[in-house]
Amino acid sequence: MTGSAPGVLLAKTAWEHPPTEAGYRRLVRRRALGFLSTLVLPAVAIALSTWFLDGDDAIGLTVMSFLGGLVTALFLGLALPGVARTGRILRCYGWRAYPCTYVPRSREDLMVISFGAGADVVMFPAPFRCDLRAKRNEHPGVIWFAGDPRCGGVVSPVGGHYPQRVLTKDSPPPAAVAPPVAERAGLARRGRYLRRWC
C-alpha cells in the first residue's frame, strides 16, 4: 500500500489500516504519559526540596516546581481532546496519498499538500510542531491525508505509521457547508466548519 497515485482511496477508513491504529495508540500513550509526568515530577521535586533543602531554598523550588508543573499540565491537558478528535477523523475518513512539499525558509512543519489542479493547501501540525520528514519517511514528496482539505485532518508519512493532526493555515470560507462526515469526525458543527481550530 504505497499510495503512489494521487488522491486514490487506500482504505475505507484510515483506522482499518493496522499500522495507523498502532501509531494512534502510540500517540495516546505519549500524550497520556506526558500529562501524568507533569503531575508526578513536580510532586517529587516538591517532596525532595522539603526533605533536602531548608528555608527559602525549599520555598523557591517548591513554588517554581508547582507553577512549572501547572503550566505544562494545562498545556498538555488542552492537547488531549485533540487526540480524541484525531481518532474520530481516522475512523471517518480513509487515507489518500497526495503530493506534498515543505515551505522553504519557514517553520519545519509547514507543508503544502496538492489536492489537485490549483488546489494547493498550506497545513501545519497541531497542537505541537512536528517535522514529518524525520518520521521514517522514505517518500518525503508524498503524504497520506485523511480529512477535509477545507478544514484539516490527519496526515502521516507513507505507511500510515505516524498519524499527526493538521490544520489549514487559512480558515474555511464562512459560507462553506460541511458534509455529514465532517460533523461525525468533529470537523464541523451544525453544517458549518469549525473555524481555525477545527
N, C-alpha and C. Protein backbone atom coordinates (compact mmCIF):
# COMPACT_ATOMS: atom_id res chain seq x y z
N MET A 1 0.84 -1.18 0.00
CA MET A 1 0.00 0.00 0.00
C MET A 1 0.89 1.25 0.00
N THR A 2 1.46 1.59 -1.11
CA THR A 2 2.34 2.74 -1.18
C THR A 2 1.60 4.03 -1.46
N GLY A 3 0.50 3.96 -2.13
CA GLY A 3 -0.28 5.16 -2.40
C GLY A 3 0.40 6.11 -3.35
N SER A 4 0.91 5.61 -4.46
CA SER A 4 1.65 6.46 -5.39
C SER A 4 0.73 7.29 -6.27
N ALA A 5 -0.49 6.83 -6.53
CA ALA A 5 -1.42 7.59 -7.38
C ALA A 5 -2.14 8.64 -6.53
N PRO A 6 -2.04 9.94 -6.88
CA PRO A 6 -2.62 10.99 -6.06
C PRO A 6 -4.12 10.85 -5.90
N GLY A 7 -4.58 10.98 -4.67
CA GLY A 7 -6.00 11.01 -4.36
C GLY A 7 -6.71 9.68 -4.37
N VAL A 8 -6.03 8.57 -4.62
CA VAL A 8 -6.68 7.26 -4.64
C VAL A 8 -6.94 6.82 -3.20
N LEU A 9 -8.16 6.37 -2.93
CA LEU A 9 -8.53 5.91 -1.60
C LEU A 9 -7.77 4.63 -1.29
N LEU A 10 -7.01 4.64 -0.19
CA LEU A 10 -6.17 3.50 0.17
C LEU A 10 -6.89 2.52 1.09
N ALA A 11 -7.83 3.00 1.88
CA ALA A 11 -8.64 2.16 2.76
C ALA A 11 -9.94 2.90 3.03
N LYS A 12 -11.01 2.15 3.27
CA LYS A 12 -12.31 2.78 3.50
C LYS A 12 -12.21 3.79 4.65
N THR A 13 -11.59 3.39 5.74
CA THR A 13 -11.24 4.33 6.80
C THR A 13 -9.78 4.09 7.17
N ALA A 14 -9.12 5.14 7.60
CA ALA A 14 -7.71 5.01 7.96
C ALA A 14 -7.54 4.06 9.14
N TRP A 15 -8.56 3.98 9.99
CA TRP A 15 -8.49 3.12 11.17
C TRP A 15 -8.35 1.65 10.79
N GLU A 16 -8.84 1.27 9.62
CA GLU A 16 -8.75 -0.13 9.18
C GLU A 16 -7.33 -0.53 8.79
N HIS A 17 -6.43 0.42 8.70
CA HIS A 17 -5.05 0.14 8.34
C HIS A 17 -4.26 -0.14 9.63
N PRO A 18 -3.79 -1.38 9.86
CA PRO A 18 -3.18 -1.73 11.15
C PRO A 18 -2.03 -0.83 11.60
N PRO A 19 -1.09 -0.41 10.74
CA PRO A 19 -0.05 0.49 11.23
C PRO A 19 -0.60 1.83 11.74
N THR A 20 -1.71 2.28 11.17
CA THR A 20 -2.31 3.53 11.63
C THR A 20 -2.89 3.36 13.02
N GLU A 21 -3.60 2.27 13.26
CA GLU A 21 -4.16 2.03 14.59
C GLU A 21 -3.04 1.94 15.62
N ALA A 22 -1.95 1.25 15.29
CA ALA A 22 -0.82 1.13 16.21
C ALA A 22 -0.17 2.50 16.44
N GLY A 23 -0.03 3.30 15.38
CA GLY A 23 0.54 4.64 15.52
C GLY A 23 -0.34 5.53 16.38
N TYR A 24 -1.66 5.40 16.24
CA TYR A 24 -2.57 6.20 17.06
C TYR A 24 -2.45 5.80 18.53
N ARG A 25 -2.35 4.52 18.80
CA ARG A 25 -2.20 4.06 20.19
C ARG A 25 -0.89 4.58 20.80
N ARG A 26 0.19 4.64 19.99
CA ARG A 26 1.43 5.23 20.49
C ARG A 26 1.24 6.71 20.81
N LEU A 27 0.49 7.42 19.95
CA LEU A 27 0.20 8.84 20.19
C LEU A 27 -0.54 9.03 21.51
N VAL A 28 -1.55 8.20 21.76
CA VAL A 28 -2.32 8.29 23.00
C VAL A 28 -1.40 8.04 24.20
N ARG A 29 -0.54 7.02 24.11
CA ARG A 29 0.38 6.72 25.22
C ARG A 29 1.33 7.89 25.48
N ARG A 30 1.89 8.47 24.40
CA ARG A 30 2.83 9.59 24.57
C ARG A 30 2.17 10.77 25.27
N ARG A 31 0.96 11.12 24.82
CA ARG A 31 0.27 12.27 25.42
C ARG A 31 -0.14 11.98 26.86
N ALA A 32 -0.63 10.77 27.12
CA ALA A 32 -1.05 10.43 28.49
C ALA A 32 0.14 10.40 29.43
N LEU A 33 1.25 9.79 29.00
CA LEU A 33 2.44 9.75 29.85
C LEU A 33 3.00 11.16 30.06
N GLY A 34 2.97 11.98 29.04
CA GLY A 34 3.42 13.37 29.20
C GLY A 34 2.57 14.10 30.21
N PHE A 35 1.25 13.92 30.14
CA PHE A 35 0.36 14.58 31.08
C PHE A 35 0.60 14.08 32.50
N LEU A 36 0.71 12.76 32.67
CA LEU A 36 0.94 12.21 34.01
C LEU A 36 2.29 12.64 34.58
N SER A 37 3.30 12.73 33.72
CA SER A 37 4.62 13.14 34.22
C SER A 37 4.60 14.58 34.71
N THR A 38 3.74 15.43 34.11
CA THR A 38 3.66 16.81 34.58
C THR A 38 2.99 16.89 35.95
N LEU A 39 2.28 15.85 36.33
CA LEU A 39 1.69 15.81 37.67
C LEU A 39 2.63 15.19 38.69
N VAL A 40 3.37 14.15 38.27
CA VAL A 40 4.22 13.41 39.20
C VAL A 40 5.55 14.12 39.45
N LEU A 41 6.21 14.58 38.40
CA LEU A 41 7.55 15.17 38.57
C LEU A 41 7.56 16.40 39.48
N PRO A 42 6.63 17.34 39.34
CA PRO A 42 6.64 18.46 40.29
C PRO A 42 6.40 18.00 41.74
N ALA A 43 5.55 17.00 41.92
CA ALA A 43 5.30 16.50 43.28
C ALA A 43 6.58 15.90 43.87
N VAL A 44 7.34 15.17 43.05
CA VAL A 44 8.61 14.60 43.50
C VAL A 44 9.60 15.72 43.82
N ALA A 45 9.66 16.74 42.95
CA ALA A 45 10.58 17.87 43.19
C ALA A 45 10.22 18.60 44.47
N ILE A 46 8.93 18.77 44.72
CA ILE A 46 8.49 19.45 45.94
C ILE A 46 8.86 18.61 47.17
N ALA A 47 8.62 17.30 47.09
CA ALA A 47 8.95 16.44 48.22
C ALA A 47 10.45 16.44 48.50
N LEU A 48 11.26 16.36 47.45
CA LEU A 48 12.72 16.36 47.64
C LEU A 48 13.21 17.71 48.16
N SER A 49 12.60 18.79 47.68
CA SER A 49 13.04 20.10 48.15
C SER A 49 12.74 20.29 49.63
N THR A 50 11.60 19.82 50.09
CA THR A 50 11.29 19.95 51.52
C THR A 50 12.13 19.01 52.37
N TRP A 51 12.57 17.91 51.78
CA TRP A 51 13.37 16.93 52.52
C TRP A 51 14.83 17.37 52.64
N PHE A 52 15.40 17.86 51.52
CA PHE A 52 16.84 18.14 51.50
C PHE A 52 17.21 19.62 51.65
N LEU A 53 16.30 20.51 51.34
CA LEU A 53 16.59 21.94 51.45
C LEU A 53 15.87 22.53 52.64
N ASP A 54 16.34 23.68 53.07
CA ASP A 54 15.68 24.31 54.20
C ASP A 54 15.40 25.78 53.88
N GLY A 55 14.37 26.27 54.50
CA GLY A 55 14.04 27.69 54.44
C GLY A 55 13.65 28.18 53.06
N ASP A 56 14.29 29.29 52.65
CA ASP A 56 13.94 29.99 51.42
C ASP A 56 14.21 29.15 50.17
N ASP A 57 15.28 28.34 50.20
CA ASP A 57 15.59 27.50 49.03
C ASP A 57 14.45 26.52 48.76
N ALA A 58 13.93 25.91 49.81
CA ALA A 58 12.84 24.94 49.65
C ALA A 58 11.57 25.63 49.15
N ILE A 59 11.29 26.80 49.67
CA ILE A 59 10.09 27.52 49.25
C ILE A 59 10.20 27.92 47.77
N GLY A 60 11.37 28.44 47.37
CA GLY A 60 11.56 28.85 45.99
C GLY A 60 11.42 27.68 45.01
N LEU A 61 12.08 26.57 45.32
CA LEU A 61 11.99 25.40 44.45
C LEU A 61 10.57 24.83 44.43
N THR A 62 9.91 24.85 45.55
CA THR A 62 8.53 24.35 45.62
C THR A 62 7.61 25.18 44.73
N VAL A 63 7.73 26.51 44.84
CA VAL A 63 6.87 27.39 44.03
C VAL A 63 7.17 27.22 42.55
N MET A 64 8.47 27.18 42.18
CA MET A 64 8.83 27.02 40.77
C MET A 64 8.35 25.67 40.23
N SER A 65 8.49 24.61 41.01
CA SER A 65 8.04 23.28 40.57
C SER A 65 6.53 23.26 40.39
N PHE A 66 5.82 23.85 41.34
CA PHE A 66 4.36 23.86 41.26
C PHE A 66 3.89 24.64 40.04
N LEU A 67 4.43 25.84 39.84
CA LEU A 67 4.00 26.67 38.71
C LEU A 67 4.39 26.04 37.37
N GLY A 68 5.61 25.52 37.28
CA GLY A 68 6.04 24.87 36.04
C GLY A 68 5.18 23.65 35.71
N GLY A 69 4.90 22.84 36.72
CA GLY A 69 4.05 21.67 36.51
C GLY A 69 2.63 22.05 36.13
N LEU A 70 2.11 23.11 36.76
CA LEU A 70 0.74 23.55 36.47
C LEU A 70 0.61 24.04 35.03
N VAL A 71 1.55 24.86 34.59
CA VAL A 71 1.50 25.40 33.23
C VAL A 71 1.63 24.26 32.20
N THR A 72 2.58 23.36 32.42
CA THR A 72 2.77 22.24 31.49
C THR A 72 1.55 21.33 31.48
N ALA A 73 0.99 21.04 32.65
CA ALA A 73 -0.20 20.18 32.72
C ALA A 73 -1.38 20.82 32.01
N LEU A 74 -1.55 22.13 32.16
CA LEU A 74 -2.65 22.81 31.47
C LEU A 74 -2.47 22.73 29.95
N PHE A 75 -1.24 22.95 29.48
CA PHE A 75 -0.97 22.91 28.05
C PHE A 75 -1.23 21.51 27.49
N LEU A 76 -0.71 20.49 28.18
CA LEU A 76 -0.94 19.12 27.70
C LEU A 76 -2.39 18.71 27.87
N GLY A 77 -3.04 19.20 28.92
CA GLY A 77 -4.46 18.90 29.12
C GLY A 77 -5.31 19.45 27.99
N LEU A 78 -4.93 20.61 27.47
CA LEU A 78 -5.65 21.17 26.32
C LEU A 78 -5.40 20.37 25.05
N ALA A 79 -4.26 19.67 24.99
CA ALA A 79 -3.93 18.89 23.79
C ALA A 79 -4.64 17.53 23.78
N LEU A 80 -5.07 17.04 24.94
CA LEU A 80 -5.68 15.70 25.00
C LEU A 80 -6.97 15.59 24.19
N PRO A 81 -7.86 16.60 24.18
CA PRO A 81 -9.06 16.47 23.33
C PRO A 81 -8.70 16.35 21.84
N GLY A 82 -7.58 16.93 21.43
CA GLY A 82 -7.14 16.81 20.04
C GLY A 82 -6.80 15.37 19.67
N VAL A 83 -6.34 14.60 20.65
CA VAL A 83 -6.04 13.18 20.41
C VAL A 83 -7.34 12.43 20.11
N ALA A 84 -8.38 12.73 20.86
CA ALA A 84 -9.68 12.08 20.61
C ALA A 84 -10.22 12.48 19.24
N ARG A 85 -10.04 13.74 18.85
CA ARG A 85 -10.51 14.19 17.53
C ARG A 85 -9.71 13.50 16.42
N THR A 86 -8.42 13.30 16.65
CA THR A 86 -7.60 12.56 15.68
C THR A 86 -8.17 11.17 15.46
N GLY A 87 -8.54 10.49 16.54
CA GLY A 87 -9.14 9.16 16.44
C GLY A 87 -10.45 9.18 15.67
N ARG A 88 -11.29 10.19 15.92
CA ARG A 88 -12.57 10.28 15.19
C ARG A 88 -12.33 10.48 13.70
N ILE A 89 -11.35 11.32 13.35
CA ILE A 89 -11.06 11.56 11.94
C ILE A 89 -10.59 10.26 11.28
N LEU A 90 -9.70 9.53 11.96
CA LEU A 90 -9.20 8.27 11.40
C LEU A 90 -10.30 7.23 11.22
N ARG A 91 -11.35 7.31 12.05
CA ARG A 91 -12.46 6.36 11.94
C ARG A 91 -13.48 6.78 10.88
N CYS A 92 -13.45 8.05 10.45
CA CYS A 92 -14.43 8.56 9.49
C CYS A 92 -13.89 8.71 8.06
N TYR A 93 -12.62 9.00 7.93
CA TYR A 93 -12.03 9.26 6.61
C TYR A 93 -11.01 8.19 6.27
N GLY A 94 -10.85 7.93 4.99
CA GLY A 94 -9.84 6.99 4.52
C GLY A 94 -8.56 7.71 4.12
N TRP A 95 -7.45 6.99 4.17
CA TRP A 95 -6.18 7.55 3.71
C TRP A 95 -6.21 7.76 2.20
N ARG A 96 -5.69 8.88 1.76
CA ARG A 96 -5.44 9.15 0.35
C ARG A 96 -4.04 9.73 0.25
N ALA A 97 -3.32 9.38 -0.80
CA ALA A 97 -1.96 9.87 -0.99
C ALA A 97 -1.99 11.12 -1.89
N TYR A 98 -1.23 12.14 -1.48
CA TYR A 98 -1.14 13.37 -2.26
C TYR A 98 0.31 13.85 -2.31
N PRO A 99 0.66 14.56 -3.39
CA PRO A 99 1.99 15.18 -3.41
C PRO A 99 2.09 16.23 -2.31
N CYS A 100 3.27 16.33 -1.73
CA CYS A 100 3.47 17.25 -0.62
C CYS A 100 4.84 17.91 -0.74
N THR A 101 4.89 19.19 -0.47
CA THR A 101 6.17 19.91 -0.39
C THR A 101 6.20 20.66 0.93
N TYR A 102 7.39 21.02 1.35
CA TYR A 102 7.55 21.76 2.60
C TYR A 102 8.00 23.17 2.26
N VAL A 103 7.46 24.13 2.98
CA VAL A 103 7.73 25.53 2.69
C VAL A 103 9.18 25.84 3.07
N PRO A 104 10.00 26.29 2.10
CA PRO A 104 11.40 26.59 2.42
C PRO A 104 11.51 27.87 3.25
N ARG A 105 12.56 27.93 4.05
CA ARG A 105 12.85 29.09 4.90
C ARG A 105 11.66 29.46 5.75
N SER A 106 11.00 28.44 6.28
CA SER A 106 9.84 28.66 7.14
C SER A 106 9.91 27.65 8.27
N ARG A 107 8.85 27.57 9.03
CA ARG A 107 8.82 26.56 10.08
C ARG A 107 8.95 25.19 9.42
N GLU A 108 9.65 24.29 10.09
CA GLU A 108 9.87 22.96 9.52
C GLU A 108 8.56 22.21 9.27
N ASP A 109 7.54 22.54 10.04
CA ASP A 109 6.32 21.76 9.97
C ASP A 109 5.30 22.30 8.97
N LEU A 110 5.54 23.42 8.34
CA LEU A 110 4.59 23.97 7.38
C LEU A 110 4.70 23.21 6.07
N MET A 111 3.58 22.66 5.58
CA MET A 111 3.61 21.84 4.37
C MET A 111 2.52 22.28 3.40
N VAL A 112 2.76 22.05 2.13
CA VAL A 112 1.78 22.35 1.09
C VAL A 112 1.36 21.02 0.47
N ILE A 113 0.08 20.70 0.61
CA ILE A 113 -0.46 19.46 0.06
C ILE A 113 -1.23 19.80 -1.20
N SER A 114 -0.92 19.11 -2.29
CA SER A 114 -1.56 19.35 -3.59
C SER A 114 -2.73 18.39 -3.76
N PHE A 115 -3.95 18.92 -3.61
CA PHE A 115 -5.14 18.09 -3.71
C PHE A 115 -5.67 18.00 -5.14
N GLY A 116 -5.04 18.64 -6.08
CA GLY A 116 -5.46 18.60 -7.48
C GLY A 116 -4.99 19.87 -8.16
N ALA A 117 -5.43 20.03 -9.41
CA ALA A 117 -5.01 21.21 -10.19
C ALA A 117 -5.48 22.49 -9.50
N GLY A 118 -4.52 23.30 -9.07
CA GLY A 118 -4.85 24.58 -8.44
C GLY A 118 -5.40 24.47 -7.04
N ALA A 119 -5.35 23.32 -6.44
CA ALA A 119 -5.89 23.14 -5.09
C ALA A 119 -4.77 22.79 -4.11
N ASP A 120 -3.82 23.69 -3.99
CA ASP A 120 -2.73 23.52 -3.03
C ASP A 120 -3.15 24.17 -1.71
N VAL A 121 -3.03 23.40 -0.62
CA VAL A 121 -3.45 23.88 0.69
C VAL A 121 -2.26 23.82 1.64
N VAL A 122 -2.03 24.94 2.33
CA VAL A 122 -0.95 25.01 3.32
C VAL A 122 -1.52 24.53 4.65
N MET A 123 -0.83 23.55 5.25
CA MET A 123 -1.27 22.98 6.53
C MET A 123 -0.10 22.92 7.50
N PHE A 124 -0.45 22.81 8.79
CA PHE A 124 0.56 22.69 9.82
C PHE A 124 0.07 21.73 10.91
N PRO A 125 1.01 20.98 11.51
CA PRO A 125 0.62 20.06 12.59
C PRO A 125 0.15 20.83 13.82
N ALA A 126 -0.81 20.26 14.53
CA ALA A 126 -1.33 20.89 15.74
C ALA A 126 -1.59 19.80 16.78
N PRO A 127 -1.47 20.04 18.04
CA PRO A 127 -1.10 21.31 18.64
C PRO A 127 0.41 21.49 18.77
N PHE A 128 1.19 20.46 18.49
CA PHE A 128 2.64 20.55 18.63
C PHE A 128 3.31 20.52 17.27
N ARG A 129 4.44 21.21 17.15
CA ARG A 129 5.21 21.18 15.91
C ARG A 129 5.78 19.80 15.70
N CYS A 130 5.87 19.40 14.44
CA CYS A 130 6.38 18.06 14.12
C CYS A 130 6.91 18.07 12.70
N ASP A 131 8.16 17.68 12.54
CA ASP A 131 8.74 17.58 11.21
C ASP A 131 8.52 16.16 10.71
N LEU A 132 7.51 15.97 9.87
CA LEU A 132 7.16 14.63 9.40
C LEU A 132 8.21 14.03 8.48
N ARG A 133 9.09 14.86 7.94
CA ARG A 133 10.15 14.33 7.09
C ARG A 133 11.09 13.42 7.87
N ALA A 134 11.15 13.59 9.19
CA ALA A 134 12.08 12.82 10.03
C ALA A 134 11.42 11.59 10.65
N LYS A 135 10.20 11.29 10.31
CA LYS A 135 9.46 10.18 10.94
C LYS A 135 9.40 8.97 10.03
N ARG A 136 10.52 8.29 9.86
CA ARG A 136 10.62 7.10 8.99
C ARG A 136 9.92 7.36 7.66
N ASN A 137 10.29 8.45 7.05
CA ASN A 137 9.62 8.90 5.83
C ASN A 137 10.52 8.63 4.63
N GLU A 138 10.23 7.55 3.91
CA GLU A 138 11.02 7.20 2.72
C GLU A 138 10.54 7.93 1.47
N HIS A 139 9.37 8.56 1.55
CA HIS A 139 8.79 9.27 0.40
C HIS A 139 8.39 10.69 0.83
N PRO A 140 9.36 11.60 1.04
CA PRO A 140 9.01 12.94 1.54
C PRO A 140 8.16 13.76 0.57
N GLY A 141 8.09 13.37 -0.69
CA GLY A 141 7.28 14.11 -1.66
C GLY A 141 5.83 13.67 -1.69
N VAL A 142 5.47 12.67 -0.87
CA VAL A 142 4.10 12.16 -0.81
C VAL A 142 3.66 12.12 0.66
N ILE A 143 2.43 12.50 0.90
CA ILE A 143 1.88 12.45 2.26
C ILE A 143 0.54 11.73 2.21
N TRP A 144 0.24 10.96 3.23
CA TRP A 144 -1.09 10.37 3.35
C TRP A 144 -1.96 11.34 4.14
N PHE A 145 -3.17 11.58 3.63
CA PHE A 145 -4.08 12.54 4.25
C PHE A 145 -5.44 11.89 4.45
N ALA A 146 -6.02 12.08 5.63
CA ALA A 146 -7.40 11.66 5.92
C ALA A 146 -8.09 12.87 6.54
N GLY A 147 -9.12 13.37 5.89
CA GLY A 147 -9.81 14.53 6.41
C GLY A 147 -10.45 15.34 5.31
N ASP A 148 -10.68 16.62 5.59
CA ASP A 148 -11.31 17.53 4.65
C ASP A 148 -10.31 18.64 4.30
N PRO A 149 -9.93 18.78 3.03
CA PRO A 149 -8.93 19.79 2.65
C PRO A 149 -9.32 21.22 3.01
N ARG A 150 -10.61 21.50 3.19
CA ARG A 150 -11.04 22.86 3.51
C ARG A 150 -10.81 23.19 4.97
N CYS A 151 -10.60 22.17 5.79
CA CYS A 151 -10.53 22.39 7.23
C CYS A 151 -9.27 21.81 7.86
N GLY A 152 -8.97 20.58 7.54
CA GLY A 152 -7.83 19.90 8.14
C GLY A 152 -8.12 18.43 8.27
N GLY A 153 -7.30 17.75 9.00
CA GLY A 153 -7.48 16.32 9.18
C GLY A 153 -6.27 15.71 9.85
N VAL A 154 -5.86 14.56 9.34
CA VAL A 154 -4.72 13.84 9.88
C VAL A 154 -3.81 13.48 8.71
N VAL A 155 -2.51 13.66 8.89
CA VAL A 155 -1.54 13.25 7.88
C VAL A 155 -0.59 12.23 8.49
N SER A 156 0.09 11.52 7.61
CA SER A 156 1.12 10.58 8.03
C SER A 156 2.10 10.42 6.88
N PRO A 157 3.37 10.14 7.20
CA PRO A 157 4.26 9.71 6.12
C PRO A 157 3.67 8.45 5.47
N VAL A 158 4.10 8.15 4.26
CA VAL A 158 3.59 6.96 3.56
C VAL A 158 3.75 5.75 4.46
N GLY A 159 2.66 5.03 4.65
CA GLY A 159 2.64 3.86 5.52
C GLY A 159 1.64 4.02 6.66
N GLY A 160 1.25 5.26 6.97
CA GLY A 160 0.24 5.50 8.00
C GLY A 160 0.70 5.26 9.42
N HIS A 161 1.99 5.10 9.64
CA HIS A 161 2.51 4.70 10.95
C HIS A 161 2.65 5.85 11.94
N TYR A 162 2.57 7.10 11.48
CA TYR A 162 2.74 8.25 12.37
C TYR A 162 1.64 9.28 12.11
N PRO A 163 0.40 8.99 12.58
CA PRO A 163 -0.70 9.94 12.35
C PRO A 163 -0.48 11.23 13.14
N GLN A 164 -0.68 12.34 12.47
CA GLN A 164 -0.47 13.65 13.09
C GLN A 164 -1.59 14.59 12.66
N ARG A 165 -2.25 15.23 13.60
CA ARG A 165 -3.34 16.16 13.32
C ARG A 165 -2.79 17.39 12.61
N VAL A 166 -3.48 17.85 11.57
CA VAL A 166 -3.09 19.07 10.86
C VAL A 166 -4.29 20.00 10.69
N LEU A 167 -3.98 21.27 10.61
CA LEU A 167 -4.99 22.30 10.37
C LEU A 167 -4.59 23.10 9.14
N THR A 168 -5.57 23.66 8.46
CA THR A 168 -5.26 24.52 7.32
C THR A 168 -4.78 25.87 7.84
N LYS A 169 -3.85 26.47 7.11
CA LYS A 169 -3.34 27.78 7.53
C LYS A 169 -4.43 28.84 7.44
N ASP A 170 -5.27 28.73 6.41
CA ASP A 170 -6.39 29.66 6.24
C ASP A 170 -7.67 28.98 6.71
N SER A 171 -8.51 29.75 7.39
CA SER A 171 -9.79 29.20 7.85
C SER A 171 -10.69 28.91 6.65
N PRO A 172 -11.59 27.92 6.79
CA PRO A 172 -12.52 27.65 5.69
C PRO A 172 -13.44 28.84 5.45
N PRO A 173 -13.93 29.01 4.22
CA PRO A 173 -14.84 30.13 3.94
C PRO A 173 -16.08 30.04 4.83
N PRO A 174 -16.57 31.19 5.32
CA PRO A 174 -17.74 31.17 6.22
C PRO A 174 -18.97 30.53 5.59
N ALA A 175 -19.11 30.63 4.27
CA ALA A 175 -20.30 30.09 3.60
C ALA A 175 -20.17 28.61 3.26
N ALA A 176 -19.02 28.02 3.50
CA ALA A 176 -18.81 26.60 3.14
C ALA A 176 -19.70 25.71 4.00
N VAL A 177 -20.42 24.81 3.35
CA VAL A 177 -21.29 23.86 4.04
C VAL A 177 -20.53 22.54 4.19
N ALA A 178 -20.46 22.06 5.42
CA ALA A 178 -19.71 20.84 5.69
C ALA A 178 -20.58 19.61 5.46
N PRO A 179 -20.01 18.55 4.90
CA PRO A 179 -20.77 17.30 4.72
C PRO A 179 -20.96 16.60 6.06
N PRO A 180 -21.90 15.66 6.15
CA PRO A 180 -22.16 14.95 7.41
C PRO A 180 -20.94 14.23 7.97
N VAL A 181 -20.07 13.72 7.10
CA VAL A 181 -18.89 13.01 7.59
C VAL A 181 -17.99 13.96 8.38
N ALA A 182 -17.94 15.24 8.00
CA ALA A 182 -17.14 16.21 8.74
C ALA A 182 -17.69 16.42 10.14
N GLU A 183 -19.01 16.38 10.29
CA GLU A 183 -19.61 16.50 11.63
C GLU A 183 -19.30 15.28 12.47
N ARG A 184 -19.40 14.08 11.87
CA ARG A 184 -19.07 12.86 12.61
C ARG A 184 -17.62 12.86 13.07
N ALA A 185 -16.74 13.46 12.26
CA ALA A 185 -15.31 13.48 12.59
C ALA A 185 -14.96 14.60 13.55
N GLY A 186 -15.89 15.50 13.84
CA GLY A 186 -15.60 16.61 14.75
C GLY A 186 -14.98 17.81 14.07
N LEU A 187 -15.05 17.86 12.73
CA LEU A 187 -14.52 19.00 11.99
C LEU A 187 -15.56 20.08 11.77
N ALA A 188 -16.82 19.77 12.04
CA ALA A 188 -17.90 20.73 11.79
C ALA A 188 -18.98 20.56 12.86
N ARG A 189 -19.82 21.58 12.94
CA ARG A 189 -20.96 21.53 13.84
C ARG A 189 -22.13 22.23 13.17
N ARG A 190 -23.29 21.59 13.16
CA ARG A 190 -24.50 22.14 12.55
C ARG A 190 -24.27 22.59 11.11
N GLY A 191 -23.53 21.78 10.35
CA GLY A 191 -23.33 22.05 8.93
C GLY A 191 -22.28 23.08 8.60
N ARG A 192 -21.61 23.63 9.60
CA ARG A 192 -20.58 24.65 9.37
C ARG A 192 -19.24 24.16 9.93
N TYR A 193 -18.19 24.40 9.15
CA TYR A 193 -16.86 24.02 9.62
C TYR A 193 -16.49 24.82 10.86
N LEU A 194 -15.81 24.16 11.77
CA LEU A 194 -15.29 24.89 12.93
C LEU A 194 -14.14 25.76 12.45
N ARG A 195 -14.08 26.97 12.88
CA ARG A 195 -13.08 27.91 12.38
C ARG A 195 -11.75 27.72 13.09
N ARG A 196 -10.72 27.75 12.36
CA ARG A 196 -9.32 27.73 12.77
C ARG A 196 -8.91 26.48 13.55
N TRP A 197 -9.52 26.16 14.66
CA TRP A 197 -9.10 25.01 15.46
C TRP A 197 -9.99 23.82 15.23
N CYS A 198 -10.51 23.67 13.98
CA CYS A 198 -11.41 22.58 13.67
C CYS A 198 -10.75 21.23 13.85
